[in-house]
Amino acid sequence: MAISDQEAARELYSRRQARAQFIDFTTYTDPIYRAEPFHELIASHLDLVVAGEITRLMIFAPPQHGKSRLVSEGFPAYWLGKRPDEPVIIASYGADLAYAKSRQARTLVESADYLNLFPTVGTHEDSRAVNRWMLNPPNRGSLLAVGVGGPVTGHGAMLGVIDDPFENWKQAQSPTIRDTVWEWYRTTFRTRIWEGGIIVLIMTRWHEDDLAGRILQQQGDQWTVLRLPAIAETQEQRDQNNKYLGLPLGEADPLGRAPGEPLAPNLYSINALVELRTDVGSAAWASEYQGVPRAPEGNQFKRDWFEIVEAGPAVAQRVRYWDKAGTEGGGAYTAGVLMAKAGHYFVEDVVRGQWSSLQRERIIRQTAELDRQRYGHVVNWVEQEPGSGGKESAENTIRNLAGFVIKAEPVTGNKDVRLQPFAAQAEALNVKLVRGPWNSDYIEELIALPNGYRDQSDASGGAFNKLHVPVQTVSHGRAKGVWKKPKGRSRPS
């Protein structure tokens, strides 16, 4: 076979591969592109998106590793080549950034290499605006680029790509901005994705309650999550981090890396990453580079205050206190803290979850049964929120626990103030935790206060306050500072 024939054969093979696999499309249309293994992994997941086998995909990868070039610029063009009748929406924190990604995708669709692969697909000569451009007839596909918060009304899509909905750390720390992004996603962006449509969310994690965090709280089982830390973790670290994020346990590093290996060694060596870790600080490193945002450590509790012991006391006064929530699969948690008092205070068990009202009451009943089997007498308390709804919810729990000792406590005053007595005993090293799978989540919540969730802490404060009844000191036959008039006698002078 002549050389020219060999070259022609290679070109045909390259085109066939580029039409079949996204990573080959990327290298065909950009010959200087050098794919790292983690780029190939992302591309393989996007192939499953095109095939319709993945309909919800989250990708967490560190900054400046090429994730946007692959997902937000190259992939929309590839999608339109493969599915030219199905429109795309690209969104980012600002319209200008979304427009820049749209421009790159449009340039790619108009390139000669793209024409070699998809000869019937190109842009419509009368519709090439960077905010919205359309494919040439008879293709009905298009691309709309918007900033988060921007209008999408009147436009629908089969594929929606959100690339970094927050501009920076400061934005993500604002509850107002996080709420605004969430409402835009929920009421605007999501409503424009067609039935059977696909959403790809690619972002740097900034905060545990960012857009990805909220989605995972409510719909975690519906999403495929590709978390790619800059430095590979040990399996123990990965499981601990995934548990904190609500992701499956037992999954190895997606690239099969040994602990300590960098994500993209040709872009960032391990030495460069270690230097970055020092420069950005532990909180930013965990969030942005490892994909594990945690609430910053607060000033109410410290990690080293909690000794973990193997067992609680055999004989003790015990209380199980419930802080209730009623949203299934999302929002706040219901938490029931079992605490014992026997010299020290022992947190013996924590039951916690996001349950519907019916599930919650079943689990509260089940927990009371188990407590009685193991410990005998346990007093159950439930926090009663203000208003008629809170009273009704508390009454439901009281009826549910018929046969047990159960009392309701109306919520009054500031929760941080109510927590202070428990915090004081923790600081004095008088609070022990009985070893259990709940220990890590419990400690993380307490040390983050006043940031993050507080269901376990509120239940702990409630349990402690029910156990900690100040003992009056007695002098000369009466309690110091307290005098009750005996019958037939006057108050002493």
Protein backbone atom coordinates (compact mmCIF):
# COMPACT_ATOMS: atom_id res chain seq x y z
CA MET A 1 0.00 0.00 0.00
CA ALA A 2 1.36 3.39 -0.97
CA ILE A 3 2.17 6.01 1.72
CA SER A 4 -0.72 8.20 0.59
CA ASP A 5 -3.09 5.28 0.99
CA GLN A 6 -1.74 4.66 4.51
CA GLU A 7 -2.26 8.28 5.40
CA ALA A 8 -5.77 8.19 3.99
CA ALA A 9 -6.53 5.07 6.00
CA ARG A 10 -5.19 6.70 9.17
CA GLU A 11 -7.31 9.79 8.52
CA LEU A 12 -10.45 7.71 8.04
CA TYR A 13 -9.72 5.81 11.23
CA SER A 14 -9.07 9.07 13.13
CA ARG A 15 -12.35 10.52 11.92
CA ARG A 16 -14.23 7.38 12.87
CA GLN A 17 -12.73 7.47 16.36
CA ALA A 18 -13.35 11.20 16.72
CA ARG A 19 -17.02 10.75 15.89
CA ALA A 20 -17.31 7.82 18.31
CA GLN A 21 -15.45 9.09 21.40
CA PHE A 22 -15.30 12.56 22.86
CA ILE A 23 -11.63 12.45 23.89
CA ASP A 24 -10.69 11.52 20.31
CA PHE A 25 -12.90 14.34 19.04
CA THR A 26 -10.99 16.71 21.31
CA THR A 27 -7.55 15.66 20.10
CA TYR A 28 -8.68 15.56 16.45
CA THR A 29 -10.03 19.11 16.49
CA ASP A 30 -7.14 20.42 18.62
CA PRO A 31 -3.92 18.57 17.67
CA ILE A 32 -1.85 20.31 20.36
CA TYR A 33 -4.23 19.18 23.13
CA ARG A 34 -2.57 16.77 25.54
CA ALA A 35 -5.03 14.70 27.50
CA GLU A 36 -4.14 13.52 30.98
CA PRO A 37 -5.74 10.30 32.26
CA PHE A 38 -8.21 12.33 34.31
CA HIS A 39 -9.31 14.18 31.13
CA GLU A 40 -9.91 10.81 29.53
CA LEU A 41 -11.96 9.76 32.55
CA ILE A 42 -14.15 12.86 32.33
CA ALA A 43 -14.53 12.34 28.58
CA SER A 44 -15.63 8.73 29.08
CA HIS A 45 -18.39 9.92 31.42
CA LEU A 46 -19.47 12.49 28.85
CA ASP A 47 -19.69 9.72 26.25
CA LEU A 48 -22.23 8.09 28.57
CA VAL A 49 -24.07 11.43 28.72
CA VAL A 50 -24.33 11.52 24.93
CA ALA A 51 -25.58 7.93 24.96
CA GLY A 52 -28.22 8.87 27.53
CA GLU A 53 -26.82 6.42 30.11
CA ILE A 54 -25.99 9.26 32.53
CA THR A 55 -28.58 12.01 32.86
CA ARG A 56 -27.22 13.82 35.94
CA LEU A 57 -23.47 14.32 36.25
CA MET A 58 -21.42 16.34 38.73
CA ILE A 59 -17.70 16.85 38.23
CA PHE A 60 -15.52 18.29 41.01
CA ALA A 61 -11.96 19.02 39.97
CA PRO A 62 -9.37 21.59 41.12
CA PRO A 63 -8.82 24.96 39.42
CA GLN A 64 -6.67 25.32 36.31
CA HIS A 65 -6.75 21.64 35.42
CA GLY A 66 -8.58 22.02 32.11
CA LYS A 67 -12.03 20.87 33.15
CA SER A 68 -13.86 23.84 31.60
CA ARG A 69 -11.98 23.56 28.31
CA LEU A 70 -13.18 20.00 28.04
CA VAL A 71 -16.73 20.18 29.43
CA SER A 72 -18.00 23.69 28.66
CA GLU A 73 -16.31 24.44 25.34
CA GLY A 74 -15.60 21.18 23.56
CA PHE A 75 -18.48 19.05 24.79
CA PRO A 76 -21.39 21.28 23.63
CA ALA A 77 -19.92 21.24 20.12
CA TYR A 78 -19.52 17.47 20.21
CA TRP A 79 -23.08 17.05 21.53
CA LEU A 80 -24.49 19.14 18.67
CA GLY A 81 -22.57 17.04 16.18
CA LYS A 82 -23.96 13.82 17.61
CA ARG A 83 -27.44 15.13 18.47
CA PRO A 84 -27.98 18.11 16.12
CA ASP A 85 -31.69 18.51 16.85
CA GLU A 86 -31.31 18.85 20.64
CA PRO A 87 -30.44 22.31 22.02
CA VAL A 88 -27.89 23.18 24.70
CA ILE A 89 -27.85 25.76 27.51
CA ILE A 90 -24.54 26.85 29.03
CA ALA A 91 -24.61 28.78 32.30
CA SER A 92 -21.87 30.24 34.45
CA TYR A 93 -21.66 32.73 37.31
CA GLY A 94 -21.49 35.63 34.87
CA ALA A 95 -22.90 36.17 31.41
CA ASP A 96 -19.50 37.24 30.03
CA LEU A 97 -17.92 33.94 31.02
CA ALA A 98 -20.83 31.97 29.56
CA TYR A 99 -20.51 33.98 26.34
CA ALA A 100 -16.78 33.20 26.17
CA LYS A 101 -17.50 29.48 26.37
CA SER A 102 -20.24 29.83 23.78
CA ARG A 103 -17.82 31.63 21.45
CA GLN A 104 -15.28 28.80 21.74
CA ALA A 105 -17.93 26.17 21.04
CA ARG A 106 -19.22 28.14 18.05
CA THR A 107 -15.68 28.52 16.65
CA LEU A 108 -15.22 24.80 16.94
CA VAL A 109 -18.48 24.04 15.12
CA GLU A 110 -17.40 26.36 12.30
CA SER A 111 -13.92 24.81 11.95
CA ALA A 112 -12.72 22.71 9.01
CA ASP A 113 -11.89 19.78 11.28
CA TYR A 114 -15.43 19.77 12.63
CA LEU A 115 -16.80 19.82 9.09
CA ASN A 116 -14.71 16.72 8.35
CA LEU A 117 -16.44 14.91 11.19
CA PHE A 118 -19.99 16.25 10.91
CA PRO A 119 -20.39 17.53 7.35
CA THR A 120 -24.11 18.28 7.70
CA VAL A 121 -23.74 20.36 10.87
CA GLY A 122 -22.77 24.04 10.94
CA THR A 123 -24.00 27.35 12.29
CA HIS A 124 -26.92 29.23 10.76
CA GLU A 125 -25.60 32.28 8.91
CA ASP A 126 -28.41 34.47 10.25
CA SER A 127 -28.15 33.29 13.85
CA ARG A 128 -24.61 33.53 15.19
CA ALA A 129 -24.96 35.82 18.22
CA VAL A 130 -22.66 34.73 21.01
CA ASN A 131 -25.51 34.61 23.53
CA ARG A 132 -27.55 32.37 21.23
CA TRP A 133 -26.67 30.71 17.99
CA MET A 134 -28.45 28.08 15.96
CA LEU A 135 -27.45 25.25 13.66
CA ASN A 136 -28.09 25.30 9.95
CA PRO A 137 -31.35 23.77 8.72
CA PRO A 138 -32.65 21.15 8.72
CA ASN A 139 -30.89 20.77 12.09
CA ARG A 140 -32.87 22.28 14.95
CA GLY A 141 -30.15 22.43 17.58
CA SER A 142 -28.94 25.65 19.16
CA LEU A 143 -26.81 26.96 22.02
CA LEU A 144 -27.96 29.51 24.59
CA ALA A 145 -25.42 31.10 26.97
CA VAL A 146 -26.57 32.79 30.19
CA GLY A 147 -25.21 33.97 33.49
CA VAL A 148 -26.58 32.51 36.71
CA GLY A 149 -29.65 34.58 37.49
CA GLY A 150 -30.12 35.45 33.84
CA PRO A 151 -33.30 34.77 31.85
CA VAL A 152 -33.91 31.43 30.18
CA THR A 153 -37.64 31.92 29.61
CA GLY A 154 -38.78 30.92 26.15
CA HIS A 155 -35.88 28.55 25.56
CA GLY A 156 -35.68 24.85 26.28
CA ALA A 157 -32.83 22.38 26.03
CA MET A 158 -32.03 18.69 26.13
CA LEU A 159 -28.59 19.40 27.63
CA GLY A 160 -27.86 21.92 30.36
CA VAL A 161 -24.29 22.63 31.44
CA ILE A 162 -23.55 24.72 34.54
CA ASP A 163 -19.90 25.66 34.93
CA ASP A 164 -18.96 27.29 38.26
CA PRO A 165 -22.15 29.01 39.47
CA PHE A 166 -20.10 31.00 42.02
CA GLU A 167 -17.40 33.42 41.01
CA ASN A 168 -15.25 33.16 44.10
CA TRP A 169 -14.97 32.17 47.74
CA LYS A 170 -16.60 35.39 48.98
CA GLN A 171 -19.74 34.81 46.91
CA ALA A 172 -20.13 31.25 48.11
CA GLN A 173 -19.85 32.29 51.76
CA SER A 174 -22.89 34.55 51.41
CA PRO A 175 -26.16 32.80 52.41
CA THR A 176 -28.07 35.35 50.32
CA ILE A 177 -26.10 34.55 47.16
CA ARG A 178 -26.31 30.81 47.80
CA ASP A 179 -30.09 31.13 48.15
CA THR A 180 -30.25 33.20 44.95
CA VAL A 181 -28.28 30.60 42.98
CA TRP A 182 -30.44 27.80 44.36
CA GLU A 183 -33.69 29.54 43.49
CA TRP A 184 -32.43 30.33 39.98
CA TYR A 185 -31.45 26.69 39.46
CA ARG A 186 -34.68 25.35 40.88
CA THR A 187 -37.21 27.76 39.34
CA THR A 188 -35.50 28.95 36.16
CA PHE A 189 -32.74 26.68 34.86
CA ARG A 190 -34.24 23.34 35.84
CA THR A 191 -37.62 24.19 34.35
CA ARG A 192 -36.05 24.72 30.91
CA ILE A 193 -34.58 21.21 30.68
CA TRP A 194 -36.83 18.97 28.63
CA GLU A 195 -38.32 15.71 29.82
CA GLY A 196 -35.57 13.12 29.64
CA GLY A 197 -33.01 15.92 29.48
CA ILE A 198 -29.51 15.92 30.90
CA ILE A 199 -27.73 18.23 33.35
CA VAL A 200 -23.97 18.44 33.81
CA LEU A 201 -22.69 20.46 36.75
CA ILE A 202 -18.97 21.18 36.84
CA MET A 203 -17.62 23.34 39.60
CA THR A 204 -15.03 24.17 42.14
CA ARG A 205 -16.48 23.44 45.55
CA TRP A 206 -16.49 26.52 47.77
CA HIS A 207 -18.95 25.76 50.53
CA GLU A 208 -20.78 22.71 51.91
CA ASP A 209 -24.10 24.47 51.17
CA ASP A 210 -23.23 25.53 47.61
CA LEU A 211 -25.36 24.46 44.64
CA ALA A 212 -23.81 20.99 44.48
CA GLY A 213 -24.21 20.56 48.22
CA ARG A 214 -27.91 21.40 48.15
CA ILE A 215 -28.59 19.15 45.18
CA LEU A 216 -26.77 16.25 46.83
CA GLN A 217 -28.76 16.73 50.03
CA GLN A 218 -32.04 16.42 48.19
CA GLN A 219 -31.30 14.26 45.14
CA GLY A 220 -27.96 12.60 45.80
CA ASP A 221 -29.14 9.19 44.63
CA GLN A 222 -30.05 10.60 41.21
CA TRP A 223 -26.59 11.95 40.35
CA THR A 224 -23.33 10.44 39.18
CA VAL A 225 -20.55 12.26 41.01
CA LEU A 226 -16.96 12.37 39.80
CA ARG A 227 -14.85 13.83 42.59
CA LEU A 228 -11.24 14.20 41.49
CA PRO A 229 -9.01 15.47 44.31
CA ALA A 230 -5.78 17.20 43.38
CA ILE A 231 -3.82 14.79 45.59
CA ALA A 232 -5.04 11.21 45.91
CA GLU A 233 -6.34 10.22 49.35
CA THR A 234 -5.91 7.04 51.31
CA GLN A 235 -8.98 4.81 51.22
CA GLU A 236 -9.75 5.75 54.81
CA GLN A 237 -9.57 9.46 53.96
CA ARG A 238 -11.68 8.99 50.84
CA ASP A 239 -14.37 7.10 52.73
CA GLN A 240 -14.39 9.69 55.50
CA ASN A 241 -14.67 12.55 53.00
CA ASN A 242 -17.33 10.80 50.93
CA LYS A 243 -19.34 10.06 54.05
CA TYR A 244 -19.22 13.74 54.96
CA LEU A 245 -20.42 14.64 51.45
CA GLY A 246 -23.12 11.97 51.40
CA LEU A 247 -21.38 9.96 48.65
CA PRO A 248 -20.98 6.17 48.47
CA LEU A 249 -18.32 4.53 50.62
CA GLY A 250 -15.79 1.95 49.55
CA GLU A 251 -15.11 3.46 46.14
CA ALA A 252 -11.44 3.63 45.22
CA ASP A 253 -9.76 6.64 43.67
CA PRO A 254 -11.40 7.05 40.21
CA LEU A 255 -8.01 6.91 38.50
CA GLY A 256 -6.59 4.12 40.64
CA ARG A 257 -3.91 6.44 42.02
CA ALA A 258 -1.81 5.57 45.02
CA PRO A 259 -2.24 7.92 47.99
CA GLY A 260 -0.28 11.13 47.50
CA GLU A 261 -0.20 11.04 43.69
CA PRO A 262 -1.17 14.25 41.80
CA LEU A 263 -4.22 14.46 39.54
CA ALA A 264 -2.43 15.76 36.46
CA PRO A 265 1.35 15.47 36.92
CA ASN A 266 2.13 17.14 33.60
CA LEU A 267 0.18 20.21 34.73
CA TYR A 268 0.91 20.26 38.46
CA SER A 269 3.60 18.16 40.07
CA ILE A 270 3.22 16.98 43.64
CA ASN A 271 5.75 19.60 44.74
CA ALA A 272 3.73 22.37 43.09
CA LEU A 273 0.55 21.11 44.76
CA VAL A 274 2.17 20.94 48.19
CA GLU A 275 3.33 24.52 47.75
CA LEU A 276 -0.19 25.53 46.71
CA ARG A 277 -1.63 23.80 49.76
CA THR A 278 0.61 25.87 52.00
CA ASP A 279 -0.22 29.11 50.21
CA VAL A 280 -4.02 28.77 50.05
CA GLY A 281 -4.55 27.33 53.54
CA SER A 282 -6.25 24.18 54.75
CA ALA A 283 -9.87 25.30 54.32
CA ALA A 284 -9.48 26.51 50.73
CA TRP A 285 -7.33 23.49 49.88
CA ALA A 286 -9.93 21.02 51.15
CA SER A 287 -12.73 22.80 49.26
CA GLU A 288 -11.18 23.89 45.98
CA TYR A 289 -8.52 21.24 45.43
CA GLN A 290 -9.86 18.14 47.19
CA GLY A 291 -13.57 18.80 46.58
CA VAL A 292 -14.50 18.50 50.27
CA PRO A 293 -15.85 21.83 51.54
CA ARG A 294 -16.28 21.92 55.29
CA ALA A 295 -17.75 24.60 57.49
CA PRO A 296 -14.87 26.60 59.00
CA GLU A 297 -14.06 25.68 62.57
CA GLY A 298 -15.92 27.92 64.97
CA ASN A 299 -15.10 28.98 68.49
CA GLN A 300 -17.64 27.11 70.62
CA PHE A 301 -16.08 23.62 70.64
CA LYS A 302 -12.64 22.21 69.96
CA ARG A 303 -11.84 18.81 68.55
CA ASP A 304 -9.54 17.75 71.39
CA TRP A 305 -12.24 18.26 74.04
CA PHE A 306 -13.93 14.96 73.18
CA GLU A 307 -12.44 11.72 74.46
CA ILE A 308 -13.81 8.62 72.78
CA VAL A 309 -14.41 5.74 75.20
CA GLU A 310 -15.40 2.15 74.56
CA ALA A 311 -18.53 2.08 76.72
CA GLY A 312 -20.79 4.25 78.82
CA PRO A 313 -21.57 3.73 82.51
CA ALA A 314 -23.56 0.67 83.61
CA VAL A 315 -25.73 2.73 85.94
CA ALA A 316 -26.61 6.30 85.02
CA GLN A 317 -29.36 8.83 84.50
CA ARG A 318 -30.21 8.82 80.79
CA VAL A 319 -32.05 11.13 78.42
CA ARG A 320 -32.76 10.88 74.69
CA TYR A 321 -33.51 14.33 73.27
CA TRP A 322 -34.96 14.81 69.78
CA ASP A 323 -34.48 17.84 67.54
CA LYS A 324 -37.00 17.20 64.76
CA ALA A 325 -37.21 18.15 61.09
CA GLY A 326 -39.83 16.99 58.61
CA THR A 327 -38.33 17.18 55.11
CA GLU A 328 -37.66 13.82 53.47
CA GLY A 329 -34.29 13.55 51.71
CA GLY A 330 -33.28 17.18 52.10
CA GLY A 331 -33.14 20.29 54.21
CA ALA A 332 -32.58 20.02 57.96
CA TYR A 333 -31.89 16.77 59.80
CA THR A 334 -33.76 15.11 62.62
CA ALA A 335 -31.37 14.12 65.40
CA GLY A 336 -31.87 12.15 68.60
CA VAL A 337 -28.99 12.32 71.11
CA LEU A 338 -28.76 9.81 73.96
CA MET A 339 -26.81 11.25 76.88
CA ALA A 340 -25.95 9.73 80.25
CA LYS A 341 -24.82 11.33 83.49
CA ALA A 342 -22.62 9.39 85.89
CA GLY A 343 -19.90 11.66 87.22
CA HIS A 344 -19.07 12.71 83.66
CA TYR A 345 -21.47 13.19 80.77
CA PHE A 346 -21.51 10.49 78.10
CA VAL A 347 -22.93 10.93 74.61
CA GLU A 348 -23.78 7.28 73.99
CA ASP A 349 -25.63 7.33 70.68
CA VAL A 350 -26.82 9.67 67.93
CA VAL A 351 -29.59 8.79 65.47
CA ARG A 352 -29.76 11.26 62.59
CA GLY A 353 -31.39 11.46 59.16
CA GLN A 354 -33.50 13.34 56.65
CA TRP A 355 -36.86 11.60 56.93
CA SER A 356 -40.47 12.29 56.12
CA SER A 357 -42.77 12.88 59.09
CA LEU A 358 -44.03 9.29 58.97
CA GLN A 359 -40.55 7.79 58.69
CA ARG A 360 -39.30 10.04 61.46
CA GLU A 361 -41.99 8.91 63.92
CA ARG A 362 -41.36 5.26 63.12
CA ILE A 363 -37.63 5.68 63.76
CA ILE A 364 -38.23 7.60 66.99
CA ARG A 365 -40.45 4.75 68.20
CA GLN A 366 -37.94 2.13 67.13
CA THR A 367 -35.12 4.00 68.87
CA ALA A 368 -37.12 4.21 72.10
CA GLU A 369 -37.69 0.44 71.98
CA LEU A 370 -33.97 -0.21 71.51
CA ASP A 371 -33.02 2.21 74.28
CA ARG A 372 -35.37 0.46 76.70
CA GLN A 373 -34.03 -2.97 75.78
CA ARG A 374 -30.46 -1.88 76.37
CA TYR A 375 -30.68 0.60 79.23
CA GLY A 376 -34.06 0.18 80.87
CA HIS A 377 -35.28 3.60 81.98
CA VAL A 378 -34.60 6.38 79.47
CA VAL A 379 -36.49 9.67 79.56
CA ASN A 380 -37.43 10.91 76.08
CA TRP A 381 -37.71 14.61 75.30
CA VAL A 382 -38.80 16.28 72.08
CA GLU A 383 -38.21 19.89 71.19
CA GLN A 384 -41.45 21.75 70.49
CA GLU A 385 -41.09 24.49 67.88
CA PRO A 386 -43.17 27.68 68.24
CA GLY A 387 -46.67 27.92 66.81
CA SER A 388 -49.53 25.51 66.38
CA GLY A 389 -47.59 23.37 63.90
CA GLY A 390 -44.78 22.82 66.40
CA LYS A 391 -47.23 21.95 69.15
CA GLU A 392 -49.09 19.49 66.91
CA SER A 393 -45.81 17.83 65.85
CA ALA A 394 -44.75 17.42 69.50
CA GLU A 395 -48.16 15.98 70.40
CA ASN A 396 -47.85 13.47 67.57
CA THR A 397 -44.53 12.26 68.97
CA ILE A 398 -45.99 12.01 72.48
CA ARG A 399 -48.85 9.84 71.17
CA ASN A 400 -46.37 7.81 69.12
CA LEU A 401 -44.36 7.02 72.27
CA ALA A 402 -47.30 5.89 74.37
CA GLY A 403 -45.91 3.53 77.00
CA PHE A 404 -42.62 5.39 77.25
CA VAL A 405 -41.59 8.36 79.36
CA ILE A 406 -41.91 11.21 76.85
CA LYS A 407 -42.08 14.96 77.42
CA ALA A 408 -42.12 18.01 75.15
CA GLU A 409 -40.07 21.15 75.70
CA PRO A 410 -41.20 24.43 74.08
CA VAL A 411 -38.28 26.26 72.45
CA THR A 412 -37.43 29.50 74.21
CA GLY A 413 -34.46 31.82 74.02
CA ASN A 414 -31.31 31.71 71.94
CA LYS A 415 -30.03 28.25 71.00
CA ASP A 416 -26.39 29.28 71.46
CA VAL A 417 -27.18 30.39 75.00
CA ARG A 418 -28.91 27.08 75.74
CA LEU A 419 -25.85 25.24 74.42
CA GLN A 420 -23.35 27.09 76.64
CA PRO A 421 -23.65 24.83 79.73
CA PHE A 422 -22.90 21.77 77.59
CA ALA A 423 -19.98 23.59 75.93
CA ALA A 424 -18.56 24.52 79.32
CA GLN A 425 -18.56 20.88 80.45
CA ALA A 426 -17.00 19.82 77.13
CA GLU A 427 -14.23 22.38 77.58
CA ALA A 428 -13.64 21.05 81.09
CA LEU A 429 -13.18 17.59 79.47
CA ASN A 430 -16.22 16.24 81.26
CA VAL A 431 -17.98 15.03 78.08
CA LYS A 432 -17.08 11.61 76.67
CA LEU A 433 -18.25 10.04 73.41
CA VAL A 434 -18.96 6.32 73.28
CA ARG A 435 -17.27 4.90 70.21
CA GLY A 436 -19.66 4.60 67.26
CA PRO A 437 -19.98 5.30 63.53
CA TRP A 438 -21.64 8.63 64.32
CA ASN A 439 -18.60 10.07 66.13
CA SER A 440 -16.98 11.81 63.16
CA ASP A 441 -20.11 13.59 61.93
CA TYR A 442 -20.96 14.62 65.49
CA ILE A 443 -17.56 16.17 66.18
CA GLU A 444 -17.45 17.92 62.79
CA GLU A 445 -20.80 19.59 63.42
CA LEU A 446 -19.89 20.80 66.90
CA ILE A 447 -16.49 22.23 66.00
CA ALA A 448 -18.01 24.09 63.02
CA LEU A 449 -20.53 26.00 65.15
CA PRO A 450 -21.93 28.56 64.61
CA ASN A 451 -21.45 27.54 60.95
CA GLY A 452 -23.07 24.61 59.19
CA TYR A 453 -25.79 22.35 60.54
CA ARG A 454 -26.78 22.30 64.21
CA ASP A 455 -29.34 19.54 64.71
CA GLN A 456 -26.99 17.27 66.71
CA SER A 457 -25.71 20.19 68.75
CA ASP A 458 -29.23 21.43 69.56
CA ALA A 459 -30.25 17.94 70.65
CA SER A 460 -27.08 17.69 72.75
CA GLY A 461 -27.78 20.99 74.47
CA GLY A 462 -31.34 19.87 75.17
CA ALA A 463 -30.25 16.49 76.57
CA PHE A 464 -27.57 18.05 78.76
CA ASN A 465 -29.92 20.65 80.19
CA LYS A 466 -32.40 17.92 81.14
CA LEU A 467 -29.69 15.92 82.88
CA HIS A 468 -27.94 18.84 84.53
CA VAL A 469 -30.18 19.90 87.38
CA PRO A 470 -28.10 22.07 89.75
CA VAL A 471 -27.78 20.47 93.18
CA GLN A 472 -28.49 22.91 96.00
CA THR A 473 -25.90 23.06 98.73
CA VAL A 474 -27.40 22.70 102.20
CA SER A 475 -26.27 24.60 105.25
CA HIS A 476 -27.80 24.39 108.72
CA GLY A 477 -30.73 22.33 107.53
CA ARG A 478 -31.89 24.48 104.62
CA ALA A 479 -30.80 25.03 101.04
CA LYS A 480 -28.46 27.96 100.67
CA GLY A 481 -30.27 30.91 99.13
CA VAL A 482 -33.62 29.16 99.25
CA TRP A 483 -36.05 29.31 102.18
CA LYS A 484 -39.52 27.92 102.36
CA LYS A 485 -41.74 29.10 105.19
CA PRO A 486 -42.60 26.19 107.54
CA LYS A 487 -46.13 25.93 108.75
CA GLY A 488 -46.77 27.97 111.90
CA ARG A 489 -43.46 29.80 111.86
CA SER A 490 -42.40 33.18 110.64
CA ARG A 491 -39.40 33.92 108.47
CA PRO A 492 -36.25 34.25 110.55
CA SER A 493 -34.81 37.70 110.94
